[in-house]
Amino acid sequence: MESGTHHHPHLRERIREAGGIYEWANDVLIRIAGPAQLGDGPGAPCTHCGRTRVEHVERDGVLYCPEE
């Protein structure tokens, strides 16, 4: 092999080494887009008070707007 040249395995070999087409595609997407964002984030503002859901108080399974 000449100096400065790189050997890149064929796509079929890379897919097989990754564990199949799903795993290969998943690895490629994660490299491009980054890891999954877990959780639902702050969410949409409350229609009653305008604050996020995480600022609310839960009692008996019901969310209540935070006190002003």
Protein backbone atom coordinates (compact mmCIF):
# COMPACT_ATOMS: atom_id res chain seq x y z
CA MET A 1 0.00 0.00 0.00
CA GLU A 2 1.31 3.44 -0.88
CA SER A 3 2.02 6.02 1.77
CA GLY A 4 -0.86 8.49 2.20
CA THR A 5 -3.59 6.19 0.90
CA HIS A 6 -6.28 4.90 3.21
CA HIS A 7 -8.21 1.67 2.97
CA HIS A 8 -11.93 2.20 3.58
CA PRO A 9 -13.93 -1.02 3.90
CA HIS A 10 -16.83 -1.42 1.51
CA LEU A 11 -20.24 -0.40 2.77
CA ARG A 12 -21.36 -4.02 3.03
CA GLU A 13 -18.42 -4.79 5.34
CA ARG A 14 -19.08 -1.73 7.52
CA ILE A 15 -22.76 -2.70 7.87
CA ARG A 16 -21.84 -6.27 8.80
CA GLU A 17 -19.24 -5.07 11.34
CA ALA A 18 -21.78 -2.69 12.91
CA GLY A 19 -24.23 -5.55 13.53
CA GLY A 20 -26.66 -5.03 10.67
CA ILE A 21 -28.32 -2.28 8.68
CA TYR A 22 -30.33 -0.91 11.63
CA GLU A 23 -27.29 -0.59 13.90
CA TRP A 24 -25.21 0.91 11.12
CA ALA A 25 -27.88 3.50 10.22
CA ASN A 26 -28.39 4.33 13.91
CA ASP A 27 -24.64 4.86 14.40
CA VAL A 28 -24.49 7.14 11.35
CA LEU A 29 -27.49 9.19 12.47
CA ILE A 30 -26.13 9.60 16.00
CA ARG A 31 -22.82 10.83 14.58
CA ILE A 32 -24.66 13.38 12.44
CA ALA A 33 -27.48 14.50 14.74
CA GLY A 34 -26.09 13.73 18.18
CA PRO A 35 -27.69 11.65 20.92
CA ALA A 36 -31.42 11.60 21.58
CA GLN A 37 -32.90 14.37 23.69
CA LEU A 38 -34.50 12.69 26.67
CA GLY A 39 -37.52 14.08 28.44
CA ASP A 40 -40.08 16.49 27.14
CA GLY A 41 -38.18 19.65 27.98
CA PRO A 42 -39.94 22.62 29.50
CA GLY A 43 -42.98 22.02 27.30
CA ALA A 44 -45.59 24.51 26.23
CA PRO A 45 -46.56 27.25 28.66
CA CYS A 46 -49.64 26.70 30.82
CA THR A 47 -52.78 28.20 29.32
CA HIS A 48 -53.85 29.50 32.74
CA CYS A 49 -50.70 31.08 34.18
CA GLY A 50 -48.13 30.98 31.35
CA ARG A 51 -45.51 29.09 33.37
CA THR A 52 -43.93 25.75 32.41
CA ARG A 53 -45.26 22.44 33.66
CA VAL A 54 -42.23 21.82 35.89
CA GLU A 55 -43.07 24.95 37.89
CA HIS A 56 -46.50 23.57 38.82
CA VAL A 57 -47.43 21.70 41.98
CA GLU A 58 -48.86 18.19 41.83
CA ARG A 59 -51.44 17.10 44.38
CA ASP A 60 -53.38 13.85 44.10
CA GLY A 61 -52.26 13.42 40.50
CA VAL A 62 -53.49 16.88 39.43
CA LEU A 63 -51.21 19.75 38.45
CA TYR A 64 -51.94 23.11 40.03
CA CYS A 65 -50.60 26.47 38.94
CA PRO A 66 -47.85 27.80 41.22
CA GLU A 67 -48.79 30.53 43.65
CA GLU A 68 -47.90 34.04 42.57
